Amino acid sequence: MTINITDNNLKELIENSEALVVDFWAEWCGPCKMISPIVDELSEQYAGRVTVGKVNIENDDCQEIVAGNSIRSVPTILFFRKGELVDKHIGGGAKDILESKIKTCFNK
């Protein structure tokens, strides 16, 4: 299950998650709608091993996250390991691409 991430909980998630995937998206974004089910599926597949969250960049309670992570286009997916940003994926993509990044970033 994916977590709704806001300015209020991102810092804690980064600090307390061994492996964290953050999907930045927007309602008006076609590629976001295409990749969202893949992110959800990976969240279920890696439950208990990788924390997966989503940030709706249109929400007022997410503006610090968007600015702080220099999000300029969506979808953008960030991969954090032990509190450090280790990879970034911009744009759409197939499940195997994102799964490969999870395996590479987190040795899962």
PDB file of N, CA and C in Angstrom:
ATOM      1  N   MET A   1       0.842  -1.180   0.000  1.00  0.00           N
ATOM      2  CA  MET A   1       0.000   0.000   0.000  1.00  0.00           C
ATOM      3  C   MET A   1       0.887   1.242   0.000  1.00  0.00           C
ATOM      4  N   THR A   2       0.525   2.207  -0.816  1.00  0.00           N
ATOM      5  CA  THR A   2       1.302   3.439  -0.876  1.00  0.00           C
ATOM      6  C   THR A   2       0.857   4.398   0.223  1.00  0.00           C
ATOM      7  N   ILE A   3       1.766   5.238   0.639  1.00  0.00           N
ATOM      8  CA  ILE A   3       1.535   6.231   1.680  1.00  0.00           C
ATOM      9  C   ILE A   3       1.359   7.592   1.025  1.00  0.00           C
ATOM     10  N   ASN A   4       0.410   8.378   1.513  1.00  0.00           N
ATOM     11  CA  ASN A   4       0.254   9.757   1.047  1.00  0.00           C
ATOM     12  C   ASN A   4       1.317  10.596   1.754  1.00  0.00           C
ATOM     13  N   ILE A   5       2.202  11.183   0.984  1.00  0.00           N
ATOM     14  CA  ILE A   5       3.306  11.960   1.554  1.00  0.00           C
ATOM     15  C   ILE A   5       3.016  13.444   1.418  1.00  0.00           C
ATOM     16  N   THR A   6       3.289  14.166   2.511  1.00  0.00           N
ATOM     17  CA  THR A   6       3.124  15.620   2.546  1.00  0.00           C
ATOM     18  C   THR A   6       4.383  16.239   3.149  1.00  0.00           C
ATOM     19  N   ASP A   7       4.392  17.570   3.210  1.00  0.00           N
ATOM     20  CA  ASP A   7       5.509  18.272   3.850  1.00  0.00           C
ATOM     21  C   ASP A   7       5.692  17.799   5.291  1.00  0.00           C
ATOM     22  N   ASN A   8       4.592  17.394   5.927  1.00  0.00           N
ATOM     23  CA  ASN A   8       4.622  17.023   7.345  1.00  0.00           C
ATOM     24  C   ASN A   8       5.274  15.680   7.635  1.00  0.00           C
ATOM     25  N   ASN A   9       5.264  14.750   6.674  1.00  0.00           N
ATOM     26  CA  ASN A   9       5.778  13.424   7.007  1.00  0.00           C
ATOM     27  C   ASN A   9       6.965  12.948   6.162  1.00  0.00           C
ATOM     28  N   LEU A  10       7.368  13.683   5.155  1.00  0.00           N
ATOM     29  CA  LEU A  10       8.458  13.206   4.301  1.00  0.00           C
ATOM     30  C   LEU A  10       9.777  13.069   5.054  1.00  0.00           C
ATOM     31  N   LYS A  11      10.148  14.062   5.816  1.00  0.00           N
ATOM     32  CA  LYS A  11      11.431  14.021   6.520  1.00  0.00           C
ATOM     33  C   LYS A  11      11.518  12.791   7.429  1.00  0.00           C
ATOM     34  N   GLU A  12      10.450  12.534   8.161  1.00  0.00           N
ATOM     35  CA  GLU A  12      10.414  11.371   9.056  1.00  0.00           C
ATOM     36  C   GLU A  12      10.518  10.064   8.259  1.00  0.00           C
ATOM     37  N   LEU A  13       9.809   9.988   7.128  1.00  0.00           N
ATOM     38  CA  LEU A  13       9.874   8.784   6.297  1.00  0.00           C
ATOM     39  C   LEU A  13      11.278   8.557   5.754  1.00  0.00           C
ATOM     40  N   ILE A  14      11.922   9.625   5.299  1.00  0.00           N
ATOM     41  CA  ILE A  14      13.286   9.494   4.774  1.00  0.00           C
ATOM     42  C   ILE A  14      14.229   9.006   5.874  1.00  0.00           C
ATOM     43  N   GLU A  15      14.105   9.589   7.054  1.00  0.00           N
ATOM     44  CA  GLU A  15      14.991   9.241   8.163  1.00  0.00           C
ATOM     45  C   GLU A  15      14.748   7.834   8.695  1.00  0.00           C
ATOM     46  N   ASN A  16      13.499   7.358   8.653  1.00  0.00           N
ATOM     47  CA  ASN A  16      13.148   6.094   9.298  1.00  0.00           C
ATOM     48  C   ASN A  16      12.942   4.923   8.348  1.00  0.00           C
ATOM     49  N   SER A  17      13.090   5.142   7.053  1.00  0.00           N
ATOM     50  CA  SER A  17      12.884   4.059   6.092  1.00  0.00           C
ATOM     51  C   SER A  17      14.222   3.588   5.547  1.00  0.00           C
ATOM     52  N   GLU A  18      14.434   2.309   5.617  1.00  0.00           N
ATOM     53  CA  GLU A  18      15.625   1.699   5.030  1.00  0.00           C
ATOM     54  C   GLU A  18      15.621   1.920   3.517  1.00  0.00           C
ATOM     55  N   ALA A  19      14.440   1.733   2.908  1.00  0.00           N
ATOM     56  CA  ALA A  19      14.278   1.876   1.462  1.00  0.00           C
ATOM     57  C   ALA A  19      12.970   2.611   1.207  1.00  0.00           C
ATOM     58  N   LEU A  20      13.028   3.754   0.518  1.00  0.00           N
ATOM     59  CA  LEU A  20      11.857   4.589   0.284  1.00  0.00           C
ATOM     60  C   LEU A  20      11.790   5.008  -1.177  1.00  0.00           C
ATOM     61  N   VAL A  21      10.620   4.804  -1.782  1.00  0.00           N
ATOM     62  CA  VAL A  21      10.361   5.237  -3.151  1.00  0.00           C
ATOM     63  C   VAL A  21       9.271   6.297  -3.079  1.00  0.00           C
ATOM     64  N   VAL A  22       9.510   7.475  -3.687  1.00  0.00           N
ATOM     65  CA  VAL A  22       8.547   8.573  -3.647  1.00  0.00           C
ATOM     66  C   VAL A  22       8.166   8.952  -5.072  1.00  0.00           C
ATOM     67  N   ASP A  23       6.877   8.824  -5.374  1.00  0.00           N
ATOM     68  CA  ASP A  23       6.330   9.128  -6.697  1.00  0.00           C
ATOM     69  C   ASP A  23       5.675  10.506  -6.662  1.00  0.00           C
ATOM     70  N   PHE A  24       6.221  11.450  -7.427  1.00  0.00           N
ATOM     71  CA  PHE A  24       5.634  12.787  -7.566  1.00  0.00           C
ATOM     72  C   PHE A  24       4.736  12.768  -8.794  1.00  0.00           C
ATOM     73  N   TRP A  25       3.471  13.194  -8.630  1.00  0.00           N
ATOM     74  CA  TRP A  25       2.492  13.097  -9.708  1.00  0.00           C
ATOM     75  C   TRP A  25       1.515  14.264  -9.651  1.00  0.00           C
ATOM     76  N   ALA A  26       0.662  14.357 -10.680  1.00  0.00           N
ATOM     77  CA  ALA A  26      -0.399  15.370 -10.733  1.00  0.00           C
ATOM     78  C   ALA A  26      -1.602  14.779 -11.469  1.00  0.00           C
ATOM     79  N   GLU A  27      -2.792  15.262 -11.117  1.00  0.00           N
ATOM     80  CA  GLU A  27      -4.042  14.785 -11.735  1.00  0.00           C
ATOM     81  C   GLU A  27      -4.061  14.993 -13.241  1.00  0.00           C
ATOM     82  N   TRP A  28      -3.540  16.100 -13.728  1.00  0.00           N
ATOM     83  CA  TRP A  28      -3.597  16.451 -15.140  1.00  0.00           C
ATOM     84  C   TRP A  28      -2.551  15.728 -15.990  1.00  0.00           C
ATOM     85  N   CYS A  29      -1.695  14.957 -15.371  1.00  0.00           N
ATOM     86  CA  CYS A  29      -0.542  14.336 -16.031  1.00  0.00           C
ATOM     87  C   CYS A  29      -0.883  12.946 -16.574  1.00  0.00           C
ATOM     88  N   GLY A  30      -0.907  12.822 -17.900  1.00  0.00           N
ATOM     89  CA  GLY A  30      -1.188  11.539 -18.534  1.00  0.00           C
ATOM     90  C   GLY A  30      -0.193  10.447 -18.177  1.00  0.00           C
ATOM     91  N   PRO A  31       1.126  10.698 -18.296  1.00  0.00           N
ATOM     92  CA  PRO A  31       2.096   9.661 -17.925  1.00  0.00           C
ATOM     93  C   PRO A  31       1.994   9.259 -16.447  1.00  0.00           C
ATOM     94  N   CYS A  32       1.589  10.206 -15.581  1.00  0.00           N
ATOM     95  CA  CYS A  32       1.406   9.880 -14.159  1.00  0.00           C
ATOM     96  C   CYS A  32       0.303   8.839 -13.995  1.00  0.00           C
ATOM     97  N   LYS A  33      -0.779   9.012 -14.750  1.00  0.00           N
ATOM     98  CA  LYS A  33      -1.899   8.076 -14.680  1.00  0.00           C
ATOM     99  C   LYS A  33      -1.496   6.701 -15.201  1.00  0.00           C
ATOM    100  N   MET A  34      -0.582   6.662 -16.145  1.00  0.00           N
ATOM    101  CA  MET A  34      -0.123   5.387 -16.687  1.00  0.00           C
ATOM    102  C   MET A  34       0.820   4.662 -15.722  1.00  0.00           C
ATOM    103  N   ILE A  35       1.653   5.400 -15.008  1.00  0.00           N
ATOM    104  CA  ILE A  35       2.648   4.780 -14.138  1.00  0.00           C
ATOM    105  C   ILE A  35       2.097   4.493 -12.730  1.00  0.00           C
ATOM    106  N   SER A  36       1.041   5.171 -12.339  1.00  0.00           N
ATOM    107  CA  SER A  36       0.482   5.010 -10.996  1.00  0.00           C
ATOM    108  C   SER A  36       0.125   3.560 -10.644  1.00  0.00           C
ATOM    109  N   PRO A  37      -0.561   2.811 -11.518  1.00  0.00           N
ATOM    110  CA  PRO A  37      -0.860   1.420 -11.175  1.00  0.00           C
ATOM    111  C   PRO A  37       0.397   0.560 -11.026  1.00  0.00           C
ATOM    112  N   ILE A  38       1.442   0.898 -11.768  1.00  0.00           N
ATOM    113  CA  ILE A  38       2.702   0.165 -11.658  1.00  0.00           C
ATOM    114  C   ILE A  38       3.331   0.423 -10.291  1.00  0.00           C
ATOM    115  N   VAL A  39       3.327   1.685  -9.871  1.00  0.00           N
ATOM    116  CA  VAL A  39       3.856   2.036  -8.549  1.00  0.00           C
ATOM    117  C   VAL A  39       3.059   1.320  -7.463  1.00  0.00           C
ATOM    118  N   ASP A  40       1.739   1.290  -7.595  1.00  0.00           N
ATOM    119  CA  ASP A  40       0.893   0.592  -6.623  1.00  0.00           C
ATOM    120  C   ASP A  40       1.225  -0.897  -6.578  1.00  0.00           C
ATOM    121  N   GLU A  41       1.406  -1.491  -7.735  1.00  0.00           N
ATOM    122  CA  GLU A  41       1.724  -2.920  -7.814  1.00  0.00           C
ATOM    123  C   GLU A  41       3.072  -3.217  -7.162  1.00  0.00           C
ATOM    124  N   LEU A  42       4.067  -2.382  -7.428  1.00  0.00           N
ATOM    125  CA  LEU A  42       5.384  -2.572  -6.810  1.00  0.00           C
ATOM    126  C   LEU A  42       5.324  -2.379  -5.301  1.00  0.00           C
ATOM    127  N   SER A  43       4.457  -1.467  -4.854  1.00  0.00           N
ATOM    128  CA  SER A  43       4.270  -1.257  -3.425  1.00  0.00           C
ATOM    129  C   SER A  43       3.786  -2.534  -2.750  1.00  0.00           C
ATOM    130  N   GLU A  44       2.834  -3.212  -3.383  1.00  0.00           N
ATOM    131  CA  GLU A  44       2.319  -4.476  -2.844  1.00  0.00           C
ATOM    132  C   GLU A  44       3.380  -5.573  -2.938  1.00  0.00           C
ATOM    133  N   GLN A  45       4.064  -5.632  -4.058  1.00  0.00           N
ATOM    134  CA  GLN A  45       5.068  -6.671  -4.290  1.00  0.00           C
ATOM    135  C   GLN A  45       6.227  -6.579  -3.290  1.00  0.00           C
ATOM    136  N   TYR A  46       6.621  -5.367  -2.936  1.00  0.00           N
ATOM    137  CA  TYR A  46       7.757  -5.168  -2.038  1.00  0.00           C
ATOM    138  C   TYR A  46       7.331  -4.746  -0.622  1.00  0.00           C
ATOM    139  N   ALA A  47       6.071  -4.990  -0.282  1.00  0.00           N
ATOM    140  CA  ALA A  47       5.555  -4.637   1.049  1.00  0.00           C
ATOM    141  C   ALA A  47       6.435  -5.259   2.136  1.00  0.00           C
ATOM    142  N   GLY A  48       6.759  -4.448   3.139  1.00  0.00           N
ATOM    143  CA  GLY A  48       7.600  -4.911   4.229  1.00  0.00           C
ATOM    144  C   GLY A  48       9.090  -4.769   3.956  1.00  0.00           C
ATOM    145  N   ARG A  49       9.453  -4.517   2.697  1.00  0.00           N
ATOM    146  CA  ARG A  49      10.865  -4.368   2.349  1.00  0.00           C
ATOM    147  C   ARG A  49      11.183  -2.982   1.814  1.00  0.00           C
ATOM    148  N   VAL A  50      10.209  -2.372   1.122  1.00  0.00           N
ATOM    149  CA  VAL A  50      10.372  -1.039   0.544  1.00  0.00           C
ATOM    150  C   VAL A  50       9.121  -0.227   0.866  1.00  0.00           C
ATOM    151  N   THR A  51       9.309   0.967   1.387  1.00  0.00           N
ATOM    152  CA  THR A  51       8.196   1.880   1.639  1.00  0.00           C
ATOM    153  C   THR A  51       7.974   2.690   0.372  1.00  0.00           C
ATOM    154  N   VAL A  52       6.714   2.770  -0.068  1.00  0.00           N
ATOM    155  CA  VAL A  52       6.379   3.498  -1.284  1.00  0.00           C
ATOM    156  C   VAL A  52       5.343   4.564  -0.955  1.00  0.00           C
ATOM    157  N   GLY A  53       5.612   5.790  -1.372  1.00  0.00           N
ATOM    158  CA  GLY A  53       4.689   6.892  -1.123  1.00  0.00           C
ATOM    159  C   GLY A  53       4.482   7.733  -2.363  1.00  0.00           C
ATOM    160  N   LYS A  54       3.405   8.514  -2.321  1.00  0.00           N
ATOM    161  CA  LYS A  54       3.067   9.381  -3.446  1.00  0.00           C
ATOM    162  C   LYS A  54       2.878  10.813  -2.968  1.00  0.00           C
ATOM    163  N   VAL A  55       3.306  11.748  -3.810  1.00  0.00           N
ATOM    164  CA  VAL A  55       3.160  13.176  -3.536  1.00  0.00           C
ATOM    165  C   VAL A  55       2.393  13.796  -4.694  1.00  0.00           C
ATOM    166  N   ASN A  56       1.210  14.329  -4.402  1.00  0.00           N
ATOM    167  CA  ASN A  56       0.452  15.073  -5.403  1.00  0.00           C
ATOM    168  C   ASN A  56       0.999  16.494  -5.395  1.00  0.00           C
ATOM    169  N   ILE A  57       1.699  16.874  -6.452  1.00  0.00           N
ATOM    170  CA  ILE A  57       2.379  18.172  -6.468  1.00  0.00           C
ATOM    171  C   ILE A  57       1.411  19.345  -6.461  1.00  0.00           C
ATOM    172  N   GLU A  58       0.134  19.092  -6.695  1.00  0.00           N
ATOM    173  CA  GLU A  58      -0.867  20.161  -6.709  1.00  0.00           C
ATOM    174  C   GLU A  58      -1.372  20.518  -5.309  1.00  0.00           C
ATOM    175  N   ASN A  59      -1.126  19.660  -4.330  1.00  0.00           N
ATOM    176  CA  ASN A  59      -1.593  19.918  -2.967  1.00  0.00           C
ATOM    177  C   ASN A  59      -0.760  21.009  -2.299  1.00  0.00           C
ATOM    178  N   ASP A  60      -1.436  21.913  -1.614  1.00  0.00           N
ATOM    179  CA  ASP A  60      -0.736  22.992  -0.910  1.00  0.00           C
ATOM    180  C   ASP A  60       0.198  22.461   0.166  1.00  0.00           C
ATOM    181  N   ASP A  61      -0.122  21.295   0.748  1.00  0.00           N
ATOM    182  CA  ASP A  61       0.696  20.754   1.831  1.00  0.00           C
ATOM    183  C   ASP A  61       1.889  19.939   1.310  1.00  0.00           C
ATOM    184  N   CYS A  62       2.242  20.131   0.049  1.00  0.00           N
ATOM    185  CA  CYS A  62       3.384  19.418  -0.545  1.00  0.00           C
ATOM    186  C   CYS A  62       4.378  20.348  -1.234  1.00  0.00           C
ATOM    187  N   GLN A  63       4.184  21.643  -1.122  1.00  0.00           N
ATOM    188  CA  GLN A  63       5.011  22.585  -1.875  1.00  0.00           C
ATOM    189  C   GLN A  63       6.472  22.614  -1.420  1.00  0.00           C
ATOM    190  N   GLU A  64       6.726  22.418  -0.134  1.00  0.00           N
ATOM    191  CA  GLU A  64       8.114  22.374   0.342  1.00  0.00           C
ATOM    192  C   GLU A  64       8.844  21.159  -0.219  1.00  0.00           C
ATOM    193  N   ILE A  65       8.148  20.027  -0.282  1.00  0.00           N
ATOM    194  CA  ILE A  65       8.737  18.797  -0.830  1.00  0.00           C
ATOM    195  C   ILE A  65       9.103  19.009  -2.296  1.00  0.00           C
ATOM    196  N   VAL A  66       8.177  19.567  -3.051  1.00  0.00           N
ATOM    197  CA  VAL A  66       8.387  19.778  -4.477  1.00  0.00           C
ATOM    198  C   VAL A  66       9.592  20.695  -4.699  1.00  0.00           C
ATOM    199  N   ALA A  67       9.625  21.807  -4.013  1.00  0.00           N
ATOM    200  CA  ALA A  67      10.731  22.750  -4.166  1.00  0.00           C
ATOM    201  C   ALA A  67      12.041  22.157  -3.642  1.00  0.00           C
ATOM    202  N   GLY A  68      11.979  21.527  -2.491  1.00  0.00           N
ATOM    203  CA  GLY A  68      13.181  20.972  -1.861  1.00  0.00           C
ATOM    204  C   GLY A  68      13.834  19.860  -2.645  1.00  0.00           C
ATOM    205  N   ASN A  69      13.064  19.175  -3.468  1.00  0.00           N
ATOM    206  CA  ASN A  69      13.611  18.084  -4.274  1.00  0.00           C
ATOM    207  C   ASN A  69      13.757  18.464  -5.743  1.00  0.00           C
ATOM    208  N   SER A  70      13.609  19.755  -6.029  1.00  0.00           N
ATOM    209  CA  SER A  70      13.777  20.290  -7.391  1.00  0.00           C
ATOM    210  C   SER A  70      12.959  19.525  -8.425  1.00  0.00           C
ATOM    211  N   ILE A  71      11.685  19.280  -8.092  1.00  0.00           N
ATOM    212  CA  ILE A  71      10.801  18.578  -9.020  1.00  0.00           C
ATOM    213  C   ILE A  71      10.332  19.568 -10.071  1.00  0.00           C
ATOM    214  N   ARG A  72      10.718  19.319 -11.317  1.00  0.00           N
ATOM    215  CA  ARG A  72      10.378  20.227 -12.412  1.00  0.00           C
ATOM    216  C   ARG A  72       9.452  19.588 -13.432  1.00  0.00           C
ATOM    217  N   SER A  73       9.323  18.263 -13.373  1.00  0.00           N
ATOM    218  CA  SER A  73       8.403  17.572 -14.267  1.00  0.00           C
ATOM    219  C   SER A  73       7.868  16.332 -13.559  1.00  0.00           C
ATOM    220  N   VAL A  74       6.708  15.895 -14.010  1.00  0.00           N
ATOM    221  CA  VAL A  74       6.092  14.708 -13.437  1.00  0.00           C
ATOM    222  C   VAL A  74       5.727  13.743 -14.556  1.00  0.00           C
ATOM    223  N   PRO A  75       5.736  12.474 -14.278  1.00  0.00           N
ATOM    224  CA  PRO A  75       6.102  11.880 -13.000  1.00  0.00           C
ATOM    225  C   PRO A  75       7.618  11.903 -12.777  1.00  0.00           C
ATOM    226  N   THR A  76       7.980  12.078 -11.529  1.00  0.00           N
ATOM    227  CA  THR A  76       9.357  11.924 -11.070  1.00  0.00           C
ATOM    228  C   THR A  76       9.317  10.985  -9.879  1.00  0.00           C
ATOM    229  N   ILE A  77      10.178  10.003  -9.895  1.00  0.00           N
ATOM    230  CA  ILE A  77      10.234   9.039  -8.795  1.00  0.00           C
ATOM    231  C   ILE A  77      11.629   9.097  -8.195  1.00  0.00           C
ATOM    232  N   LEU A  78      11.678   9.319  -6.871  1.00  0.00           N
ATOM    233  CA  LEU A  78      12.945   9.383  -6.149  1.00  0.00           C
ATOM    234  C   LEU A  78      13.128   8.123  -5.326  1.00  0.00           C
ATOM    235  N   PHE A  79      14.361   7.663  -5.225  1.00  0.00           N
ATOM    236  CA  PHE A  79      14.710   6.464  -4.485  1.00  0.00           C
ATOM    237  C   PHE A  79      15.675   6.853  -3.361  1.00  0.00           C
ATOM    238  N   PHE A  80      15.268   6.651  -2.099  1.00  0.00           N
ATOM    239  CA  PHE A  80      16.092   6.976  -0.938  1.00  0.00           C
ATOM    240  C   PHE A  80      16.500   5.682  -0.229  1.00  0.00           C
ATOM    241  N   ARG A  81      17.785   5.559   0.077  1.00  0.00           N
ATOM    242  CA  ARG A  81      18.278   4.428   0.862  1.00  0.00           C
ATOM    243  C   ARG A  81      18.962   4.972   2.109  1.00  0.00           C
ATOM    244  N   LYS A  82      18.461   4.552   3.250  1.00  0.00           N
ATOM    245  CA  LYS A  82      19.022   4.969   4.536  1.00  0.00           C
ATOM    246  C   LYS A  82      19.169   6.487   4.629  1.00  0.00           C
ATOM    247  N   GLY A  83      18.143   7.202   4.157  1.00  0.00           N
ATOM    248  CA  GLY A  83      18.112   8.653   4.274  1.00  0.00           C
ATOM    249  C   GLY A  83      18.793   9.420   3.162  1.00  0.00           C
ATOM    250  N   GLU A  84      19.409   8.724   2.226  1.00  0.00           N
ATOM    251  CA  GLU A  84      20.130   9.384   1.140  1.00  0.00           C
ATOM    252  C   GLU A  84      19.443   9.141  -0.201  1.00  0.00           C
ATOM    253  N   LEU A  85      19.349  10.179  -1.019  1.00  0.00           N
ATOM    254  CA  LEU A  85      18.830  10.037  -2.369  1.00  0.00           C
ATOM    255  C   LEU A  85      19.867   9.266  -3.192  1.00  0.00           C
ATOM    256  N   VAL A  86      19.439   8.126  -3.763  1.00  0.00           N
ATOM    257  CA  VAL A  86      20.385   7.296  -4.510  1.00  0.00           C
ATOM    258  C   VAL A  86      20.055   7.190  -5.997  1.00  0.00           C
ATOM    259  N   ASP A  87      18.829   7.538  -6.392  1.00  0.00           N
ATOM    260  CA  ASP A  87      18.479   7.471  -7.804  1.00  0.00           C
ATOM    261  C   ASP A  87      17.216   8.283  -8.058  1.00  0.00           C
ATOM    262  N   LYS A  88      16.986   8.577  -9.342  1.00  0.00           N
ATOM    263  CA  LYS A  88      15.821   9.363  -9.759  1.00  0.00           C
ATOM    264  C   LYS A  88      15.363   8.828 -11.106  1.00  0.00           C
ATOM    265  N   HIS A  89      14.051   8.737 -11.288  1.00  0.00           N
ATOM    266  CA  HIS A  89      13.468   8.344 -12.573  1.00  0.00           C
ATOM    267  C   HIS A  89      12.477   9.424 -12.981  1.00  0.00           C
ATOM    268  N   ILE A  90      12.638   9.975 -14.178  1.00  0.00           N
ATOM    269  CA  ILE A  90      11.747  11.025 -14.666  1.00  0.00           C
ATOM    270  C   ILE A  90      11.000  10.496 -15.882  1.00  0.00           C
ATOM    271  N   GLY A  91       9.685  10.692 -15.883  1.00  0.00           N
ATOM    272  CA  GLY A  91       8.855  10.264 -16.997  1.00  0.00           C
ATOM    273  C   GLY A  91       8.218   8.917 -16.756  1.00  0.00           C
ATOM    274  N   GLY A  92       7.491   8.460 -17.748  1.00  0.00           N
ATOM    275  CA  GLY A  92       6.820   7.172 -17.654  1.00  0.00           C
ATOM    276  C   GLY A  92       7.817   6.037 -17.745  1.00  0.00           C
ATOM    277  N   GLY A  93       7.292   4.835 -17.714  1.00  0.00           N
ATOM    278  CA  GLY A  93       8.170   3.682 -17.827  1.00  0.00           C
ATOM    279  C   GLY A  93       7.430   2.398 -17.529  1.00  0.00           C
ATOM    280  N   ALA A  94       8.004   1.319 -17.982  1.00  0.00           N
ATOM    281  CA  ALA A  94       7.430   0.003 -17.760  1.00  0.00           C
ATOM    282  C   ALA A  94       7.789  -0.508 -16.368  1.00  0.00           C
ATOM    283  N   LYS A  95       7.039  -1.487 -15.911  1.00  0.00           N
ATOM    284  CA  LYS A  95       7.266  -2.069 -14.585  1.00  0.00           C
ATOM    285  C   LYS A  95       8.687  -2.590 -14.444  1.00  0.00           C
ATOM    286  N   ASP A  96       9.208  -3.242 -15.483  1.00  0.00           N
ATOM    287  CA  ASP A  96      10.537  -3.829 -15.368  1.00  0.00           C
ATOM    288  C   ASP A  96      11.626  -2.773 -15.155  1.00  0.00           C
ATOM    289  N   ILE A  97      11.431  -1.575 -15.691  1.00  0.00           N
ATOM    290  CA  ILE A  97      12.401  -0.498 -15.487  1.00  0.00           C
ATOM    291  C   ILE A  97      12.418  -0.066 -14.020  1.00  0.00           C
ATOM    292  N   LEU A  98      11.229   0.165 -13.453  1.00  0.00           N
ATOM    293  CA  LEU A  98      11.149   0.595 -12.055  1.00  0.00           C
ATOM    294  C   LEU A  98      11.572  -0.524 -11.106  1.00  0.00           C
ATOM    295  N   GLU A  99      11.201  -1.742 -11.426  1.00  0.00           N
ATOM    296  CA  GLU A  99      11.606  -2.865 -10.583  1.00  0.00           C
ATOM    297  C   GLU A  99      13.121  -3.031 -10.598  1.00  0.00           C
ATOM    298  N   SER A 100      13.739  -2.827 -11.739  1.00  0.00           N
ATOM    299  CA  SER A 100      15.191  -2.900 -11.843  1.00  0.00           C
ATOM    300  C   SER A 100      15.853  -1.839 -10.971  1.00  0.00           C
ATOM    301  N   LYS A 101      15.270  -0.637 -10.950  1.00  0.00           N
ATOM    302  CA  LYS A 101      15.823   0.428 -10.103  1.00  0.00           C
ATOM    303  C   LYS A 101      15.705   0.056  -8.617  1.00  0.00           C
ATOM    304  N   ILE A 102      14.563  -0.534  -8.232  1.00  0.00           N
ATOM    305  CA  ILE A 102      14.394  -0.970  -6.847  1.00  0.00           C
ATOM    306  C   ILE A 102      15.442  -2.000  -6.494  1.00  0.00           C
ATOM    307  N   LYS A 103      15.641  -2.969  -7.347  1.00  0.00           N
ATOM    308  CA  LYS A 103      16.634  -4.027  -7.085  1.00  0.00           C
ATOM    309  C   LYS A 103      18.039  -3.442  -7.007  1.00  0.00           C
ATOM    310  N   THR A 104      18.364  -2.511  -7.898  1.00  0.00           N
ATOM    311  CA  THR A 104      19.698  -1.903  -7.916  1.00  0.00           C
ATOM    312  C   THR A 104      19.916  -1.007  -6.706  1.00  0.00           C
ATOM    313  N   CYS A 105      18.939  -0.179  -6.394  1.00  0.00           N
ATOM    314  CA  CYS A 105      19.081   0.782  -5.294  1.00  0.00           C
ATOM    315  C   CYS A 105      19.067   0.128  -3.921  1.00  0.00           C
ATOM    316  N   PHE A 106      18.252  -0.905  -3.780  1.00  0.00           N
ATOM    317  CA  PHE A 106      18.009  -1.466  -2.444  1.00  0.00           C
ATOM    318  C   PHE A 106      18.449  -2.915  -2.285  1.00  0.00           C
ATOM    319  N   ASN A 107      19.033  -3.504  -3.321  1.00  0.00           N
ATOM    320  CA  ASN A 107      19.445  -4.913  -3.263  1.00  0.00           C
ATOM    321  C   ASN A 107      18.303  -5.822  -2.831  1.00  0.00           C
ATOM    322  N   LYS A 108      17.109  -5.586  -3.411  1.00  0.00           N
ATOM    323  CA  LYS A 108      15.907  -6.357  -3.035  1.00  0.00           C
ATOM    324  C   LYS A 108      15.585  -7.365  -4.094  1.00  0.00           C
TER     325      LYS A 108
END
